Amino acid sequence: LTKYNKFMSVKIRLARRGRKKMAIYDVVVADARAPRDGRFIEKIGSYNPNTNPASININNERALKWLLNG
């Protein structure tokens, strides 16, 4: 961050990993300008759509922190 850019725009989103047709996603906090599977700030959980029902694991404390910080 520079002195001109005091606030960084971040998003909570999914980053894909795994193999073809068996994707697993990490729930990550990333800079809004970063590519989908690129650089991220923090991993706060995971999402597995391959299980029945789909499993979602998220660290609620860290997610709330990032929602409040923006």
C-alpha atoms as a PDB file:
ATOM      1  CA  LEU A   1       0.000   0.000   0.000  1.00  0.00           C
ATOM      2  CA  THR A   2       1.166   3.467  -0.789  1.00  0.00           C
ATOM      3  CA  LYS A   3       0.421   6.677   1.057  1.00  0.00           C
ATOM      4  CA  TYR A   4      -2.124   7.497  -1.665  1.00  0.00           C
ATOM      5  CA  ASN A   5      -3.910   4.145  -1.470  1.00  0.00           C
ATOM      6  CA  LYS A   6      -4.777   3.767   2.212  1.00  0.00           C
ATOM      7  CA  PHE A   7      -7.601   1.301   1.663  1.00  0.00           C
ATOM      8  CA  MET A   8      -7.245  -1.919  -0.291  1.00  0.00           C
ATOM      9  CA  SER A   9     -10.335  -3.291  -1.999  1.00  0.00           C
ATOM     10  CA  VAL A  10     -10.655  -6.953  -1.013  1.00  0.00           C
ATOM     11  CA  LYS A  11     -13.164  -9.659  -1.875  1.00  0.00           C
ATOM     12  CA  ILE A  12     -14.056 -12.980  -0.286  1.00  0.00           C
ATOM     13  CA  ARG A  13     -14.195 -15.479  -3.131  1.00  0.00           C
ATOM     14  CA  LEU A  14     -13.460 -19.026  -4.265  1.00  0.00           C
ATOM     15  CA  ALA A  15     -10.094 -20.178  -5.621  1.00  0.00           C
ATOM     16  CA  ARG A  16     -10.255 -23.412  -7.616  1.00  0.00           C
ATOM     17  CA  ARG A  17      -7.959 -26.362  -7.014  1.00  0.00           C
ATOM     18  CA  GLY A  18      -8.132 -30.105  -7.591  1.00  0.00           C
ATOM     19  CA  ARG A  19      -8.208 -31.992 -10.842  1.00  0.00           C
ATOM     20  CA  LYS A  20     -10.417 -31.873 -13.907  1.00  0.00           C
ATOM     21  CA  LYS A  21     -14.127 -32.440 -13.077  1.00  0.00           C
ATOM     22  CA  MET A  22     -13.226 -32.979  -9.383  1.00  0.00           C
ATOM     23  CA  ALA A  23     -12.782 -29.391  -8.285  1.00  0.00           C
ATOM     24  CA  ILE A  24     -12.348 -28.298  -4.678  1.00  0.00           C
ATOM     25  CA  TYR A  25     -12.449 -24.626  -3.816  1.00  0.00           C
ATOM     26  CA  ASP A  26     -10.673 -22.590  -1.152  1.00  0.00           C
ATOM     27  CA  VAL A  27     -12.570 -19.655   0.337  1.00  0.00           C
ATOM     28  CA  VAL A  28      -9.983 -16.866   0.245  1.00  0.00           C
ATOM     29  CA  VAL A  29      -9.668 -13.166   0.910  1.00  0.00           C
ATOM     30  CA  ALA A  30      -8.006 -11.593  -2.121  1.00  0.00           C
ATOM     31  CA  ASP A  31      -7.280  -8.199  -3.586  1.00  0.00           C
ATOM     32  CA  ALA A  32     -10.066  -7.313  -6.023  1.00  0.00           C
ATOM     33  CA  ARG A  33      -7.543  -6.933  -8.859  1.00  0.00           C
ATOM     34  CA  ALA A  34      -5.907 -10.359  -8.356  1.00  0.00           C
ATOM     35  CA  PRO A  35      -6.783 -13.238 -10.720  1.00  0.00           C
ATOM     36  CA  ARG A  36      -9.174 -15.976  -9.531  1.00  0.00           C
ATOM     37  CA  ASP A  37      -6.534 -18.580  -8.678  1.00  0.00           C
ATOM     38  CA  GLY A  38      -3.736 -16.080  -8.121  1.00  0.00           C
ATOM     39  CA  ARG A  39      -2.372 -14.288  -5.132  1.00  0.00           C
ATOM     40  CA  PHE A  40      -4.545 -14.142  -2.022  1.00  0.00           C
ATOM     41  CA  ILE A  41      -4.204 -12.563   1.413  1.00  0.00           C
ATOM     42  CA  GLU A  42      -5.654 -15.294   3.625  1.00  0.00           C
ATOM     43  CA  LYS A  43      -7.410 -18.657   3.276  1.00  0.00           C
ATOM     44  CA  ILE A  44     -10.491 -18.677   5.515  1.00  0.00           C
ATOM     45  CA  GLY A  45     -12.168 -21.935   4.522  1.00  0.00           C
ATOM     46  CA  SER A  46     -12.959 -24.549   1.914  1.00  0.00           C
ATOM     47  CA  TYR A  47     -15.891 -25.685  -0.234  1.00  0.00           C
ATOM     48  CA  ASN A  48     -16.247 -29.186  -1.661  1.00  0.00           C
ATOM     49  CA  PRO A  49     -19.149 -29.557  -4.133  1.00  0.00           C
ATOM     50  CA  ASN A  50     -18.272 -33.222  -4.800  1.00  0.00           C
ATOM     51  CA  THR A  51     -19.746 -34.533  -1.531  1.00  0.00           C
ATOM     52  CA  ASN A  52     -23.464 -35.106  -1.091  1.00  0.00           C
ATOM     53  CA  PRO A  53     -24.520 -32.650   0.306  1.00  0.00           C
ATOM     54  CA  ALA A  54     -21.760 -30.172  -0.548  1.00  0.00           C
ATOM     55  CA  SER A  55     -19.490 -29.435   2.426  1.00  0.00           C
ATOM     56  CA  ILE A  56     -18.554 -25.911   3.453  1.00  0.00           C
ATOM     57  CA  ASN A  57     -15.988 -25.137   6.156  1.00  0.00           C
ATOM     58  CA  ILE A  58     -15.415 -21.477   7.016  1.00  0.00           C
ATOM     59  CA  ASN A  59     -13.610 -19.823   9.921  1.00  0.00           C
ATOM     60  CA  ASN A  60     -16.446 -17.512  10.978  1.00  0.00           C
ATOM     61  CA  GLU A  61     -14.264 -15.255  13.141  1.00  0.00           C
ATOM     62  CA  ARG A  62     -11.837 -14.513  10.305  1.00  0.00           C
ATOM     63  CA  ALA A  63     -14.672 -14.038   7.776  1.00  0.00           C
ATOM     64  CA  LEU A  64     -16.403 -11.546  10.079  1.00  0.00           C
ATOM     65  CA  LYS A  65     -13.110  -9.702  10.583  1.00  0.00           C
ATOM     66  CA  TRP A  66     -12.680  -9.277   6.829  1.00  0.00           C
ATOM     67  CA  LEU A  67     -16.315  -8.273   6.324  1.00  0.00           C
ATOM     68  CA  LEU A  68     -15.954  -5.542   8.939  1.00  0.00           C
ATOM     69  CA  ASN A  69     -12.580  -4.370   7.598  1.00  0.00           C
ATOM     70  CA  GLY A  70     -13.761  -4.240   3.997  1.00  0.00           C
END
